């Protein structure tokens, strides 16, 4: 009888691990506080807006000092609230970032506005606000809620919030107006019945809109007046107490405020191909993770305050890098873009490298099989994972192209698991980088990894996934 050889389902992923095993090393300096938003929440300027997806300024300084201490031009294709851009410019770097999410753009604009306003001018504006503001009148501005935000505030709080927006429109000095607007965007969670929780808004029981089996109490909900007063005071304090003690001497002796970061609003998938070759010395970024987090839902309160309706938010979701099951394929859009730019040969190369990644094809095959066996909790997970890595292939190709020779990429990302199957994001993305011309220097892991969800723990046991920082060099 003929023997049929059965290839293990993890064969290609195991082989990929063997290829990079010698480069995987734990960096005990990379604790979660250093890597995550937690290290930013008390930082002047950067800590104004709660952006949990961002990493800390100290992390950026750590890797700049480690891999490229000489200032040059830094780039972040997923700029978020601009942590990379502003931390690097304080070290003497030119900085450019791309960001699609409007709340990130507002946060960066506020940081730039702070450069144009003195602490005394802001104190005067805050005092005028306290003298003039009436939160109880009937406001002209009305929030146009969408289904996932309806009932987020008490009637009294929503009236005060709308009156505040009215007041902002009376501020003549545009930079002060920008600072007043970031103040209100920064308190929406504090004054609402919601809490940002992964890919959605978690609702307090007091909203009368209970979601899930367990009753959720978020704790104290601040009045609008207390929350806005606290935030304006915080902004004013930060602007009057800039500490340069940790900065190099040559920066302390200059005014880095004259070095204005370039902020490009849009999708990196669409904007990166338009940037000139060899434009940057260093790239530090953290793309959206392949974890089903939907930032358009997480930041829904902020988006509707900007006037986004349901259709606008759906359109924004589709423009973002695929990381939710609702994202549709962008391949036709990308093909048309590369044809328009006269770069169709690049498009073909990216697709060929992706299709040749055997570990990626194994992941696609395994997820399809799990889907057929009804093991995945959403039928669209295989499509999401496939498109995530395909779109990241475009991003990595373009990062290599826009980076100068001997330039460095530092990328923060997490591995994920679906249906008990680990997807080694670090290895697959690093292998794509290798195929496009990067040398993979190191895959740093955090001392403590990421545990799987409670649902997966009950089904597959408690296991830990690598949380990583990849180091790629363009030789």
Protein backbone atom coordinates (compact mmCIF):
# COMPACT_ATOMS: atom_id res chain seq x y z
CA UNK A 1 0.00 0.00 0.00
CA UNK A 2 1.26 3.47 -0.86
CA UNK A 3 2.20 5.59 2.17
CA UNK A 4 0.69 9.06 2.16
CA UNK A 5 2.82 11.67 3.88
CA UNK A 6 0.84 14.15 5.90
CA UNK A 7 2.45 17.56 6.25
CA UNK A 8 1.93 19.05 9.73
CA UNK A 9 -0.31 22.09 9.68
CA UNK A 10 2.36 24.15 11.42
CA UNK A 11 5.23 23.01 9.20
CA UNK A 12 5.79 26.30 7.39
CA UNK A 13 5.39 28.38 10.55
CA UNK A 14 7.82 26.09 12.37
CA UNK A 15 10.30 26.45 9.53
CA UNK A 16 9.95 30.22 9.67
CA UNK A 17 10.59 30.15 13.41
CA UNK A 18 13.77 28.14 12.84
CA UNK A 19 14.89 30.74 10.29
CA UNK A 20 14.58 33.64 12.74
CA UNK A 21 14.98 31.89 16.09
CA UNK A 22 18.50 33.24 16.56
CA UNK A 23 17.24 36.81 16.17
CA UNK A 24 14.44 36.52 18.74
CA UNK A 25 15.62 37.88 22.08
CA UNK A 26 13.99 39.32 25.17
CA UNK A 27 14.79 42.94 25.98
CA UNK A 28 14.12 43.33 29.70
CA UNK A 29 13.95 47.12 29.29
CA UNK A 30 10.75 46.71 27.29
CA UNK A 31 8.17 46.53 30.02
CA UNK A 32 4.55 47.22 29.13
CA UNK A 33 4.62 50.63 30.74
CA UNK A 34 7.48 51.76 28.51
CA UNK A 35 5.89 50.38 25.35
CA UNK A 36 2.25 51.37 25.91
CA UNK A 37 0.17 54.49 26.41
CA UNK A 38 0.55 54.17 30.18
CA UNK A 39 3.96 55.85 30.05
CA UNK A 40 2.45 58.79 28.15
CA UNK A 41 -0.60 59.60 30.23
CA UNK A 42 1.27 61.99 32.53
CA UNK A 43 3.59 63.36 29.84
CA UNK A 44 3.14 67.04 28.93
CA UNK A 45 1.34 67.54 25.59
CA UNK A 46 1.33 63.88 24.47
CA UNK A 47 -0.74 62.85 27.50
CA UNK A 48 -3.55 65.30 26.78
CA UNK A 49 -5.56 62.86 24.69
CA UNK A 50 -6.12 59.27 25.83
CA UNK A 51 -4.84 57.25 22.88
CA UNK A 52 -4.29 53.78 24.27
CA UNK A 53 -3.00 52.45 20.95
CA UNK A 54 0.10 54.67 21.08
CA UNK A 55 3.50 53.91 22.53
CA UNK A 56 5.53 56.12 24.83
CA UNK A 57 7.95 58.95 24.10
CA UNK A 58 10.56 57.18 26.22
CA UNK A 59 10.34 54.15 23.94
CA UNK A 60 11.06 56.32 20.91
CA UNK A 61 14.05 57.94 22.59
CA UNK A 62 15.26 54.50 23.67
CA UNK A 63 15.34 53.13 20.13
CA UNK A 64 16.67 56.31 18.54
CA UNK A 65 19.56 56.28 20.99
CA UNK A 66 20.10 52.56 20.39
CA UNK A 67 20.02 52.52 16.59
CA UNK A 68 20.33 56.04 15.13
CA UNK A 69 21.50 58.68 17.63
CA UNK A 70 22.50 61.12 14.89
CA UNK A 71 19.46 63.26 13.96
CA UNK A 72 18.03 62.94 10.48
CA UNK A 73 14.53 62.61 9.06
CA UNK A 74 12.14 60.25 10.88
CA UNK A 75 8.90 58.85 9.45
CA UNK A 76 5.83 57.24 11.01
CA UNK A 77 3.28 55.86 8.51
CA UNK A 78 0.78 55.25 11.35
CA UNK A 79 1.36 58.43 13.31
CA UNK A 80 -1.56 58.19 15.76
CA UNK A 81 -1.38 61.30 17.95
CA UNK A 82 2.18 62.05 16.80
CA UNK A 83 4.22 60.59 19.64
CA UNK A 84 7.06 59.59 17.30
CA UNK A 85 7.04 62.91 15.50
CA UNK A 86 7.16 65.13 18.56
CA UNK A 87 9.50 63.00 20.64
CA UNK A 88 11.96 62.85 17.72
CA UNK A 89 11.83 66.56 16.91
CA UNK A 90 12.79 67.32 20.52
CA UNK A 91 15.94 65.33 19.74
CA UNK A 92 16.68 67.45 16.69
CA UNK A 93 15.01 65.35 14.00
CA UNK A 94 12.89 66.41 11.05
CA UNK A 95 9.66 64.42 11.20
CA UNK A 96 6.89 63.32 8.84
CA UNK A 97 3.83 61.25 9.66
CA UNK A 98 0.75 59.85 7.95
CA UNK A 99 -2.50 59.43 9.88
CA UNK A 100 -6.01 58.64 8.73
CA UNK A 101 -8.01 58.82 11.97
CA UNK A 102 -9.30 62.40 12.44
CA UNK A 103 -8.87 62.34 16.22
CA UNK A 104 -5.15 61.75 15.72
CA UNK A 105 -4.94 64.74 13.40
CA UNK A 106 -6.71 66.93 15.96
CA UNK A 107 -4.30 65.83 18.70
CA UNK A 108 -1.29 66.66 16.52
CA UNK A 109 -2.74 70.01 15.50
CA UNK A 110 -3.23 70.83 19.20
CA UNK A 111 0.40 70.00 19.91
CA UNK A 112 1.46 72.38 17.15
CA UNK A 113 -0.99 75.02 18.37
CA UNK A 114 0.66 74.88 21.80
CA UNK A 115 3.87 76.11 20.16
CA UNK A 116 2.09 79.28 19.03
CA UNK A 117 0.40 80.25 22.32
CA UNK A 118 2.09 81.42 25.49
CA UNK A 119 1.06 80.04 28.85
CA UNK A 120 -0.17 83.47 29.92
CA UNK A 121 -2.34 83.83 26.80
CA UNK A 122 -3.99 80.50 27.52
CA UNK A 123 -4.54 81.37 31.19
CA UNK A 124 -6.26 84.58 30.10
CA UNK A 125 -8.45 82.67 27.63
CA UNK A 126 -9.41 80.12 30.28
CA UNK A 127 -10.40 82.86 32.72
CA UNK A 128 -12.53 84.52 30.04
CA UNK A 129 -14.20 81.17 29.40
CA UNK A 130 -15.02 80.74 33.09
CA UNK A 131 -16.50 84.24 33.21
CA UNK A 132 -18.62 83.88 30.07
CA UNK A 133 -19.60 80.24 29.73
CA UNK A 134 -23.22 79.25 30.46
CA UNK A 135 -23.72 75.50 30.25
CA UNK A 136 -27.45 75.59 30.88
CA UNK A 137 -28.72 77.63 27.93
CA UNK A 138 -30.26 76.06 24.83
CA UNK A 139 -27.32 75.39 22.50
CA UNK A 140 -27.30 75.99 18.76
CA UNK A 141 -25.01 73.03 18.15
CA UNK A 142 -26.61 69.61 18.38
CA UNK A 143 -24.82 66.26 18.37
CA UNK A 144 -26.12 64.00 15.63
CA UNK A 145 -25.84 60.60 17.25
CA UNK A 146 -25.43 57.31 15.45
CA UNK A 147 -26.89 54.06 16.87
CA UNK A 148 -23.71 53.09 18.77
CA UNK A 149 -23.49 56.47 20.57
CA UNK A 150 -27.11 57.25 21.35
CA UNK A 151 -27.59 57.82 25.07
CA UNK A 152 -23.87 58.25 25.79
CA UNK A 153 -24.44 61.33 27.96
CA UNK A 154 -26.98 62.52 30.45
CA UNK A 155 -29.25 65.25 29.12
CA UNK A 156 -27.54 67.83 31.34
CA UNK A 157 -24.05 66.80 30.21
CA UNK A 158 -24.95 66.78 26.52
CA UNK A 159 -26.43 70.27 26.80
CA UNK A 160 -23.24 71.56 28.43
CA UNK A 161 -21.10 69.80 25.83
CA UNK A 162 -23.01 71.38 22.97
CA UNK A 163 -22.82 74.81 24.61
CA UNK A 164 -19.07 74.36 24.86
CA UNK A 165 -18.83 73.68 21.12
CA UNK A 166 -20.85 76.86 20.55
CA UNK A 167 -18.43 78.75 22.77
CA UNK A 168 -15.39 77.44 20.89
CA UNK A 169 -16.74 78.96 17.69
CA UNK A 170 -16.63 82.41 19.33
CA UNK A 171 -12.88 82.17 20.03
CA UNK A 172 -11.13 84.38 17.49
CA UNK A 173 -7.55 83.17 17.94
CA UNK A 174 -7.33 79.91 15.99
CA UNK A 175 -4.55 78.32 18.04
CA UNK A 176 -6.39 78.92 21.32
CA UNK A 177 -9.54 77.54 19.69
CA UNK A 178 -7.60 74.39 18.76
CA UNK A 179 -6.45 73.95 22.36
CA UNK A 180 -9.98 74.38 23.67
CA UNK A 181 -11.19 71.76 21.20
CA UNK A 182 -8.60 69.16 22.18
CA UNK A 183 -9.65 69.76 25.78
CA UNK A 184 -13.23 68.69 25.07
CA UNK A 185 -12.19 65.73 22.89
CA UNK A 186 -10.06 64.55 25.78
CA UNK A 187 -12.91 64.34 28.32
CA UNK A 188 -15.64 62.56 26.39
CA UNK A 189 -14.98 59.23 28.09
CA UNK A 190 -14.90 60.84 31.55
CA UNK A 191 -18.29 62.51 31.14
CA UNK A 192 -20.10 59.72 29.28
CA UNK A 193 -21.67 56.40 30.24
CA UNK A 194 -19.05 54.65 28.10
CA UNK A 195 -15.53 53.34 28.38
CA UNK A 196 -13.21 52.50 25.52
CA UNK A 197 -12.76 48.76 25.66
CA UNK A 198 -10.84 47.15 22.85
CA UNK A 199 -12.81 47.40 19.65
CA UNK A 200 -16.00 48.92 21.02
CA UNK A 201 -17.58 51.15 23.67
CA UNK A 202 -18.46 49.47 26.94
CA UNK A 203 -21.65 50.82 28.51
CA UNK A 204 -22.22 51.66 32.16
CA UNK A 205 -25.46 50.30 33.63
CA UNK A 206 -26.61 53.87 34.38
CA UNK A 207 -27.10 54.48 30.67
CA UNK A 208 -30.03 52.09 30.71
CA UNK A 209 -28.40 50.38 27.76
CA UNK A 210 -26.82 47.30 29.19
CA UNK A 211 -24.70 45.29 26.77
CA UNK A 212 -23.58 41.78 27.69
CA UNK A 213 -24.48 39.53 30.57
CA UNK A 214 -22.63 41.38 33.32
CA UNK A 215 -23.64 44.67 34.85
CA UNK A 216 -20.83 47.16 34.24
CA UNK A 217 -20.05 50.07 36.56
CA UNK A 218 -17.32 52.32 35.22
CA UNK A 219 -17.08 54.22 38.49
CA UNK A 220 -17.21 57.95 38.74
CA UNK A 221 -18.71 59.91 35.86
CA UNK A 222 -17.52 63.50 35.98
CA UNK A 223 -19.73 66.52 35.47
CA UNK A 224 -18.91 68.48 32.34
CA UNK A 225 -17.76 71.51 34.31
CA UNK A 226 -15.37 69.57 36.54
CA UNK A 227 -13.93 67.57 33.66
CA UNK A 228 -13.35 70.54 31.34
CA UNK A 229 -11.89 72.67 34.14
CA UNK A 230 -9.48 69.86 35.04
CA UNK A 231 -8.41 69.39 31.44
CA UNK A 232 -7.90 73.08 30.70
CA UNK A 233 -5.90 73.39 33.91
CA UNK A 234 -3.78 70.41 32.86
CA UNK A 235 -3.09 71.91 29.43
CA UNK A 236 -2.22 75.27 30.94
CA UNK A 237 0.09 73.65 33.50
CA UNK A 238 1.91 71.64 30.83
CA UNK A 239 2.47 74.72 28.70
CA UNK A 240 4.03 76.54 31.63
CA UNK A 241 6.29 73.73 32.79
CA UNK A 242 8.15 72.25 29.83
CA UNK A 243 11.07 70.23 31.21
CA UNK A 244 14.09 69.81 28.92
CA UNK A 245 16.19 68.09 31.54
CA UNK A 246 16.23 64.76 29.67
CA UNK A 247 17.09 66.29 26.32
CA UNK A 248 20.61 66.53 24.82
CA UNK A 249 22.56 69.73 25.42
CA UNK A 250 22.44 70.82 21.78
CA UNK A 251 18.63 70.68 21.91
CA UNK A 252 18.38 72.51 25.23
CA UNK A 253 20.28 75.38 23.66
CA UNK A 254 17.88 75.69 20.69
CA UNK A 255 14.18 76.14 20.13
CA UNK A 256 12.87 72.92 18.60
CA UNK A 257 9.45 74.53 18.20
CA UNK A 258 10.66 76.00 14.90
CA UNK A 259 10.98 72.45 13.54
CA UNK A 260 7.40 71.71 12.48
CA UNK A 261 6.55 68.07 11.72
CA UNK A 262 4.87 67.38 8.38
CA UNK A 263 1.47 65.74 8.94
CA UNK A 264 -0.16 63.96 6.00
CA UNK A 265 -3.81 63.06 6.49
CA UNK A 266 -4.92 59.92 4.72
CA UNK A 267 -4.29 56.20 4.36
CA UNK A 268 -0.66 55.05 4.28
CA UNK A 269 -1.66 52.53 1.61
CA UNK A 270 -2.56 55.45 -0.65
CA UNK A 271 -0.01 58.05 0.50
CA UNK A 272 3.20 56.02 0.79
CA UNK A 273 3.48 55.26 -2.96
CA UNK A 274 3.47 59.02 -3.64
CA UNK A 275 6.50 59.76 -1.42
CA UNK A 276 9.92 60.09 -3.08
CA UNK A 277 12.51 57.32 -2.90
CA UNK A 278 15.09 57.45 -0.10
CA UNK A 279 13.37 60.26 1.82
CA UNK A 280 13.91 59.09 5.41
CA UNK A 281 16.70 57.92 7.71
CA UNK A 282 14.59 56.17 10.33
CA UNK A 283 11.08 54.75 10.54
CA UNK A 284 9.41 54.06 13.86
CA UNK A 285 5.81 52.95 13.84
CA UNK A 286 3.12 50.70 15.23
CA UNK A 287 0.52 49.68 12.65
CA UNK A 288 -2.96 48.53 13.66
CA UNK A 289 -2.74 44.98 14.98
CA UNK A 290 -4.48 42.03 13.35
CA UNK A 291 -6.82 41.82 16.32
CA UNK A 292 -10.29 42.88 15.10
CA UNK A 293 -10.11 46.25 16.90
CA UNK A 294 -12.32 48.79 15.17
CA UNK A 295 -11.01 52.27 15.91
CA UNK A 296 -14.03 53.89 14.26
CA UNK A 297 -16.15 52.38 17.03
CA UNK A 298 -13.64 53.00 19.81
CA UNK A 299 -13.52 56.69 18.89
CA UNK A 300 -17.14 57.01 17.82
CA UNK A 301 -17.92 59.76 20.37
CA UNK A 302 -15.08 61.87 18.99
CA UNK A 303 -16.07 61.23 15.37
CA UNK A 304 -19.70 62.27 15.79
CA UNK A 305 -18.55 65.44 17.56
CA UNK A 306 -16.68 66.19 14.32
CA UNK A 307 -19.92 65.74 12.39
CA UNK A 308 -19.33 62.22 11.07
CA UNK A 309 -22.53 60.32 10.37
CA UNK A 310 -22.98 56.57 10.03
CA UNK A 311 -22.05 56.55 6.33
CA UNK A 312 -18.96 58.69 6.98
CA UNK A 313 -17.79 56.29 9.68
CA UNK A 314 -18.36 53.25 7.47
CA UNK A 315 -16.36 54.92 4.70
CA UNK A 316 -13.55 55.75 7.14
CA UNK A 317 -13.53 52.14 8.38
CA UNK A 318 -13.02 50.86 4.84
CA UNK A 319 -10.09 53.21 4.25
CA UNK A 320 -8.22 51.96 7.31
CA UNK A 321 -5.71 49.15 7.18
CA UNK A 322 -7.68 45.91 7.39
CA UNK A 323 -7.94 44.87 11.03
CA UNK A 324 -11.66 44.21 11.42
CA UNK A 325 -13.95 41.61 9.88
CA UNK A 326 -15.92 44.40 8.22
CA UNK A 327 -13.02 45.56 6.08
CA UNK A 328 -13.38 44.63 2.43
CA UNK A 329 -10.63 43.90 -0.07
CA UNK A 330 -8.65 46.88 -1.37
CA UNK A 331 -6.76 45.07 -4.11
CA UNK A 332 -8.59 46.75 -7.02
CA UNK A 333 -8.09 50.17 -5.45
CA UNK A 334 -4.38 49.47 -5.00
CA UNK A 335 -4.00 48.14 -8.54
CA UNK A 336 -5.59 51.31 -9.95
CA UNK A 337 -3.36 53.49 -7.76
CA UNK A 338 -0.16 51.82 -8.91
CA UNK A 339 -1.27 51.99 -12.55
CA UNK A 340 -2.02 55.71 -12.17
CA UNK A 341 1.42 56.31 -10.65
CA UNK A 342 3.16 54.33 -13.39
CA UNK A 343 4.30 51.72 -10.83
CA UNK A 344 2.42 48.64 -11.92
CA UNK A 345 5.64 46.58 -11.88
CA UNK A 346 5.91 47.36 -8.14
CA UNK A 347 2.34 46.17 -7.67
CA UNK A 348 3.13 42.89 -9.39
CA UNK A 349 6.28 42.39 -7.30
CA UNK A 350 4.40 42.94 -4.04
CA UNK A 351 1.69 40.45 -5.01
CA UNK A 352 4.28 37.88 -6.12
CA UNK A 353 6.18 38.08 -2.83
CA UNK A 354 2.98 37.77 -0.82
CA UNK A 355 1.85 34.74 -2.82
CA UNK A 356 5.27 33.15 -2.34
CA UNK A 357 5.14 33.40 1.46
CA UNK A 358 4.47 29.77 2.37
CA UNK A 359 3.84 30.48 6.05
CA UNK A 360 1.20 33.01 5.05
CA UNK A 361 -0.44 30.51 2.71
CA UNK A 362 -0.41 27.95 5.51
CA UNK A 363 -2.18 30.38 7.84
CA UNK A 364 -4.78 31.10 5.16
CA UNK A 365 -5.35 27.40 4.61
CA UNK A 366 -5.64 26.60 8.33
CA UNK A 367 -8.11 29.43 8.94
CA UNK A 368 -10.21 28.31 5.99
CA UNK A 369 -10.30 24.79 7.45
CA UNK A 370 -11.29 26.10 10.90
CA UNK A 371 -14.02 28.10 9.23
CA UNK A 372 -15.36 25.04 7.46
CA UNK A 373 -15.47 23.25 10.83
CA UNK A 374 -17.34 26.20 12.42
CA UNK A 375 -14.57 26.74 14.98
CA UNK A 376 -14.03 30.45 14.31
CA UNK A 377 -16.50 32.81 15.97
CA UNK A 378 -16.79 34.91 12.83
CA UNK A 379 -16.79 33.62 9.26
CA UNK A 380 -14.93 36.69 7.98
CA UNK A 381 -11.80 36.21 10.09
CA UNK A 382 -9.91 34.38 7.29
CA UNK A 383 -10.61 37.24 4.89
CA UNK A 384 -9.50 39.80 7.47
CA UNK A 385 -6.21 38.00 8.20
CA UNK A 386 -5.44 37.49 4.52
CA UNK A 387 -6.04 41.13 3.67
CA UNK A 388 -4.17 42.39 6.73
CA UNK A 389 -0.96 40.70 5.63
CA UNK A 390 -1.49 41.57 1.98
CA UNK A 391 -1.88 45.27 2.83
CA UNK A 392 1.10 45.13 5.20
CA UNK A 393 3.11 43.69 2.29
CA UNK A 394 2.41 46.92 0.40
CA UNK A 395 3.35 49.00 3.44
CA UNK A 396 6.64 47.14 3.98
CA UNK A 397 7.60 47.37 0.30
CA UNK A 398 7.01 51.12 0.33
CA UNK A 399 8.87 51.61 3.62
CA UNK A 400 11.92 49.97 2.07
CA UNK A 401 11.65 52.23 -0.96
CA UNK A 402 11.33 55.52 0.95
CA UNK A 403 14.12 54.65 3.41
CA UNK A 404 17.70 55.72 2.75
CA UNK A 405 20.51 53.20 2.65
CA UNK A 406 21.52 52.08 6.14
CA UNK A 407 18.15 53.32 7.39
CA UNK A 408 16.40 51.53 10.24
CA UNK A 409 12.79 50.44 10.79
CA UNK A 410 11.52 49.90 14.33
CA UNK A 411 8.03 48.38 14.34
CA UNK A 412 5.91 47.53 17.38
CA UNK A 413 3.29 44.79 16.91
CA UNK A 414 1.69 41.78 18.62
CA UNK A 415 1.12 38.22 17.53
CA UNK A 416 -2.47 36.96 17.49
CA UNK A 417 -4.43 33.72 17.75
CA UNK A 418 -7.71 32.61 16.19
CA UNK A 419 -9.44 29.31 16.85
CA UNK A 420 -6.45 28.19 18.90
CA UNK A 421 -4.07 28.73 15.96
CA UNK A 422 -1.17 31.12 16.57
CA UNK A 423 -0.44 33.56 13.79
CA UNK A 424 3.22 34.64 14.10
CA UNK A 425 2.81 38.21 12.90
CA UNK A 426 6.42 39.03 13.83
CA UNK A 427 7.84 36.23 11.68
CA UNK A 428 5.56 36.69 8.67
CA UNK A 429 6.09 40.46 8.50
CA UNK A 430 9.83 40.12 9.07
CA UNK A 431 10.01 37.51 6.31
CA UNK A 432 8.17 39.90 3.98
CA UNK A 433 10.67 42.60 4.93
CA UNK A 434 13.52 40.22 4.11
CA UNK A 435 11.97 39.48 0.71
CA UNK A 436 11.74 43.19 -0.12
CA UNK A 437 15.39 43.88 0.67
CA UNK A 438 15.55 44.54 4.41
CA UNK A 439 17.96 42.74 6.70
CA UNK A 440 16.16 41.54 9.82
CA UNK A 441 18.47 42.60 12.65
CA UNK A 442 16.47 41.62 15.70
CA UNK A 443 13.03 40.65 16.92
CA UNK A 444 12.92 41.99 20.46
CA UNK A 445 10.27 40.47 22.70
CA UNK A 446 8.76 41.93 25.82
CA UNK A 447 9.53 40.03 29.03
CA UNK A 448 5.81 39.38 29.52
CA UNK A 449 3.78 38.31 26.50
CA UNK A 450 0.12 38.60 25.70
CA UNK A 451 -2.33 36.05 27.09
CA UNK A 452 -5.14 34.68 25.00
CA UNK A 453 -8.77 35.63 25.57
CA UNK A 454 -10.87 34.06 28.31
CA UNK A 455 -12.91 32.27 25.64
CA UNK A 456 -9.81 30.75 24.03
CA UNK A 457 -8.32 29.88 27.42
CA UNK A 458 -11.37 27.78 28.24
CA UNK A 459 -11.03 25.95 24.91
CA UNK A 460 -7.26 25.70 24.46
CA UNK A 461 -5.65 26.46 27.82
CA UNK A 462 -3.60 29.44 28.92
CA UNK A 463 -0.79 30.22 26.51
CA UNK A 464 1.26 33.33 25.87
CA UNK A 465 1.88 35.15 22.60
CA UNK A 466 4.98 37.20 21.81
CA UNK A 467 4.70 40.97 22.03
CA UNK A 468 7.49 42.22 19.80
CA UNK A 469 9.52 45.08 18.42
CA UNK A 470 11.10 44.31 15.05
CA UNK A 471 14.34 45.89 13.87
CA UNK A 472 14.92 45.92 10.10
CA UNK A 473 17.82 47.62 8.29
CA UNK A 474 18.13 48.69 4.68
CA UNK A 475 21.73 47.91 3.84
